[in-house]
Amino acid sequence: MNRPIDTLVKDLPIDNPMRTAAENSQDPNLKYCIVCKKYYEPAFSDREEAMAMGTPTEKEQWISGICSDECWCNFLGPEK
């Protein structure tokens, strides 16, 4: 697939974060965490399986896209 972003990042250094993000976004198995801004592979390969057998954190990977308990704590802030 030749997307405009592919054309823009092809000449960037291999360790450039923009190039890494563009390359990772092409992998259908990866999801993007809105908190830590990293790509991750969910614990389950599909939503239905996660909802049936997953822990709350594994389910949230498919519901919200937040990757971990640590990111949830950062997203919600300190407990009151």
N, C-alpha and C. Protein backbone atom coordinates (compact mmCIF):
# COMPACT_ATOMS: atom_id res chain seq x y z
N MET A 1 0.85 -1.17 0.00
CA MET A 1 0.00 0.00 0.00
C MET A 1 0.89 1.24 0.00
N ASN A 2 0.59 2.18 -0.85
CA ASN A 2 1.39 3.39 -0.94
C ASN A 2 0.56 4.58 -0.46
N ARG A 3 0.73 4.90 0.80
CA ARG A 3 0.01 6.01 1.40
C ARG A 3 0.89 7.26 1.36
N PRO A 4 0.31 8.45 1.44
CA PRO A 4 1.12 9.66 1.45
C PRO A 4 2.17 9.67 2.56
N ILE A 5 1.83 9.12 3.73
CA ILE A 5 2.79 9.09 4.84
C ILE A 5 4.00 8.24 4.48
N ASP A 6 3.81 7.19 3.71
CA ASP A 6 4.93 6.33 3.31
C ASP A 6 5.93 7.11 2.47
N THR A 7 5.43 7.96 1.59
CA THR A 7 6.29 8.76 0.75
C THR A 7 7.08 9.77 1.58
N LEU A 8 6.42 10.34 2.59
CA LEU A 8 7.08 11.36 3.41
C LEU A 8 8.17 10.80 4.31
N VAL A 9 7.97 9.60 4.84
CA VAL A 9 8.91 9.08 5.83
C VAL A 9 9.97 8.15 5.27
N LYS A 10 9.89 7.79 4.01
CA LYS A 10 10.82 6.78 3.48
C LYS A 10 12.28 7.19 3.56
N ASP A 11 12.57 8.48 3.55
CA ASP A 11 13.96 8.94 3.59
C ASP A 11 14.42 9.34 4.99
N LEU A 12 13.57 9.20 5.99
CA LEU A 12 13.97 9.53 7.36
C LEU A 12 14.91 8.45 7.89
N PRO A 13 15.77 8.81 8.86
CA PRO A 13 16.63 7.79 9.48
C PRO A 13 15.79 6.68 10.10
N ILE A 14 16.35 5.49 10.15
CA ILE A 14 15.63 4.32 10.63
C ILE A 14 15.15 4.48 12.07
N ASP A 15 15.86 5.26 12.90
CA ASP A 15 15.48 5.42 14.30
C ASP A 15 14.59 6.64 14.54
N ASN A 16 14.15 7.30 13.50
CA ASN A 16 13.28 8.46 13.65
C ASN A 16 11.90 8.01 14.11
N PRO A 17 11.34 8.62 15.17
CA PRO A 17 10.03 8.20 15.69
C PRO A 17 8.90 8.26 14.65
N MET A 18 8.95 9.23 13.75
CA MET A 18 7.90 9.31 12.73
C MET A 18 7.96 8.12 11.78
N ARG A 19 9.17 7.71 11.44
CA ARG A 19 9.31 6.55 10.55
C ARG A 19 8.85 5.29 11.26
N THR A 20 9.24 5.14 12.51
CA THR A 20 8.84 3.97 13.28
C THR A 20 7.32 3.89 13.39
N ALA A 21 6.67 5.01 13.68
CA ALA A 21 5.21 5.04 13.81
C ALA A 21 4.54 4.68 12.49
N ALA A 22 5.04 5.22 11.40
CA ALA A 22 4.45 4.93 10.09
C ALA A 22 4.59 3.46 9.73
N GLU A 23 5.73 2.88 10.03
CA GLU A 23 5.94 1.47 9.72
C GLU A 23 5.08 0.58 10.63
N ASN A 24 4.98 0.92 11.90
CA ASN A 24 4.17 0.13 12.83
C ASN A 24 2.69 0.21 12.51
N SER A 25 2.25 1.36 12.01
CA SER A 25 0.82 1.53 11.74
C SER A 25 0.35 0.63 10.58
N GLN A 26 1.27 0.07 9.82
CA GLN A 26 0.91 -0.83 8.73
C GLN A 26 0.67 -2.25 9.22
N ASP A 27 1.07 -2.56 10.43
CA ASP A 27 0.91 -3.91 10.98
C ASP A 27 -0.50 -4.03 11.56
N PRO A 28 -1.36 -4.86 10.98
CA PRO A 28 -2.74 -4.95 11.46
C PRO A 28 -2.87 -5.56 12.85
N ASN A 29 -1.83 -6.19 13.37
CA ASN A 29 -1.87 -6.78 14.70
C ASN A 29 -1.58 -5.79 15.81
N LEU A 30 -1.10 -4.60 15.45
CA LEU A 30 -0.72 -3.62 16.46
C LEU A 30 -1.81 -2.59 16.66
N LYS A 31 -1.95 -2.15 17.91
CA LYS A 31 -2.86 -1.07 18.26
C LYS A 31 -2.02 0.06 18.85
N TYR A 32 -2.56 1.27 18.83
CA TYR A 32 -1.84 2.45 19.30
C TYR A 32 -2.42 2.90 20.64
N CYS A 33 -1.58 2.99 21.64
CA CYS A 33 -2.01 3.45 22.97
C CYS A 33 -2.02 4.97 22.99
N ILE A 34 -3.17 5.54 23.33
CA ILE A 34 -3.30 7.00 23.34
C ILE A 34 -2.60 7.64 24.53
N VAL A 35 -2.20 6.85 25.51
CA VAL A 35 -1.56 7.39 26.70
C VAL A 35 -0.04 7.43 26.53
N CYS A 36 0.58 6.28 26.26
CA CYS A 36 2.04 6.23 26.15
C CYS A 36 2.54 6.49 24.74
N LYS A 37 1.60 6.58 23.78
CA LYS A 37 1.92 6.88 22.38
C LYS A 37 2.81 5.82 21.73
N LYS A 38 2.60 4.57 22.14
CA LYS A 38 3.37 3.46 21.57
C LYS A 38 2.42 2.44 20.95
N TYR A 39 2.94 1.69 20.01
CA TYR A 39 2.19 0.60 19.42
C TYR A 39 2.41 -0.65 20.27
N TYR A 40 1.37 -1.46 20.40
CA TYR A 40 1.46 -2.69 21.17
C TYR A 40 0.59 -3.75 20.52
N GLU A 41 0.90 -5.00 20.85
CA GLU A 41 0.09 -6.11 20.36
C GLU A 41 -0.84 -6.55 21.48
N PRO A 42 -2.15 -6.48 21.27
CA PRO A 42 -3.08 -6.89 22.32
C PRO A 42 -2.87 -8.35 22.74
N ALA A 43 -3.28 -8.67 23.96
CA ALA A 43 -3.11 -10.02 24.49
C ALA A 43 -3.91 -11.04 23.69
N PHE A 44 -5.05 -10.63 23.13
CA PHE A 44 -5.87 -11.52 22.31
C PHE A 44 -5.92 -11.00 20.88
N SER A 45 -6.02 -11.90 19.94
CA SER A 45 -5.97 -11.50 18.53
C SER A 45 -7.27 -10.89 18.02
N ASP A 46 -8.37 -11.10 18.74
CA ASP A 46 -9.61 -10.45 18.32
C ASP A 46 -10.46 -10.06 19.53
N ARG A 47 -11.36 -9.13 19.31
CA ARG A 47 -12.17 -8.55 20.38
C ARG A 47 -13.07 -9.60 21.05
N GLU A 48 -13.70 -10.46 20.27
CA GLU A 48 -14.62 -11.44 20.82
C GLU A 48 -13.91 -12.38 21.81
N GLU A 49 -12.74 -12.82 21.44
CA GLU A 49 -11.96 -13.70 22.31
C GLU A 49 -11.57 -12.98 23.60
N ALA A 50 -11.16 -11.73 23.48
CA ALA A 50 -10.78 -10.94 24.65
C ALA A 50 -11.96 -10.75 25.59
N MET A 51 -13.14 -10.45 25.03
CA MET A 51 -14.33 -10.24 25.86
C MET A 51 -14.76 -11.53 26.57
N ALA A 52 -14.56 -12.67 25.93
CA ALA A 52 -14.98 -13.94 26.50
C ALA A 52 -14.01 -14.46 27.57
N MET A 53 -12.71 -14.25 27.37
CA MET A 53 -11.73 -14.92 28.23
C MET A 53 -10.73 -13.98 28.89
N GLY A 54 -10.73 -12.71 28.55
CA GLY A 54 -9.69 -11.82 29.02
C GLY A 54 -9.90 -11.23 30.40
N THR A 55 -8.82 -10.75 30.96
CA THR A 55 -8.87 -9.99 32.22
C THR A 55 -9.42 -8.60 31.89
N PRO A 56 -9.77 -7.82 32.91
CA PRO A 56 -10.24 -6.46 32.62
C PRO A 56 -9.24 -5.64 31.77
N THR A 57 -7.96 -5.78 32.05
CA THR A 57 -6.96 -5.05 31.27
C THR A 57 -6.93 -5.52 29.83
N GLU A 58 -7.01 -6.82 29.60
CA GLU A 58 -7.00 -7.36 28.24
C GLU A 58 -8.25 -6.95 27.47
N LYS A 59 -9.37 -6.82 28.16
CA LYS A 59 -10.60 -6.35 27.51
C LYS A 59 -10.47 -4.87 27.15
N GLU A 60 -9.89 -4.09 28.04
CA GLU A 60 -9.74 -2.65 27.79
C GLU A 60 -8.83 -2.37 26.60
N GLN A 61 -7.90 -3.27 26.31
CA GLN A 61 -7.06 -3.08 25.14
C GLN A 61 -7.92 -2.98 23.89
N TRP A 62 -9.03 -3.69 23.85
CA TRP A 62 -9.93 -3.66 22.70
C TRP A 62 -11.01 -2.60 22.82
N ILE A 63 -11.40 -2.24 24.04
CA ILE A 63 -12.45 -1.25 24.23
C ILE A 63 -11.92 0.17 24.06
N SER A 64 -10.87 0.49 24.80
CA SER A 64 -10.37 1.87 24.82
C SER A 64 -9.09 2.07 24.03
N GLY A 65 -8.32 1.01 23.84
CA GLY A 65 -7.03 1.13 23.17
C GLY A 65 -5.91 1.46 24.13
N ILE A 66 -6.20 1.53 25.42
CA ILE A 66 -5.15 1.79 26.41
C ILE A 66 -4.46 0.46 26.71
N CYS A 67 -3.13 0.46 26.67
CA CYS A 67 -2.38 -0.80 26.61
C CYS A 67 -2.15 -1.51 27.94
N SER A 68 -2.14 -0.80 29.06
CA SER A 68 -1.73 -1.46 30.30
C SER A 68 -2.35 -0.78 31.52
N ASP A 69 -2.21 -1.45 32.66
CA ASP A 69 -2.67 -0.87 33.92
C ASP A 69 -1.92 0.43 34.22
N GLU A 70 -0.65 0.45 33.93
CA GLU A 70 0.16 1.65 34.17
C GLU A 70 -0.39 2.83 33.36
N CYS A 71 -0.73 2.60 32.11
CA CYS A 71 -1.29 3.68 31.29
C CYS A 71 -2.67 4.10 31.79
N TRP A 72 -3.46 3.13 32.29
CA TRP A 72 -4.76 3.48 32.86
C TRP A 72 -4.57 4.42 34.04
N CYS A 73 -3.62 4.10 34.91
CA CYS A 73 -3.37 4.95 36.09
C CYS A 73 -2.92 6.35 35.64
N ASN A 74 -2.08 6.42 34.63
CA ASN A 74 -1.64 7.71 34.12
C ASN A 74 -2.79 8.48 33.48
N PHE A 75 -3.69 7.78 32.81
CA PHE A 75 -4.84 8.39 32.16
C PHE A 75 -5.84 8.94 33.18
N LEU A 76 -6.14 8.15 34.20
CA LEU A 76 -7.13 8.53 35.20
C LEU A 76 -6.61 9.46 36.27
N GLY A 77 -5.29 9.46 36.47
CA GLY A 77 -4.71 10.29 37.52
C GLY A 77 -4.69 9.55 38.84
N PRO A 78 -4.18 10.19 39.87
CA PRO A 78 -4.06 9.52 41.19
C PRO A 78 -5.44 9.24 41.79
N GLU A 79 -5.48 8.17 42.57
CA GLU A 79 -6.72 7.84 43.27
C GLU A 79 -7.00 8.88 44.34
N LYS A 80 -8.28 9.14 44.55
CA LYS A 80 -8.66 10.13 45.56
C LYS A 80 -9.32 9.46 46.73
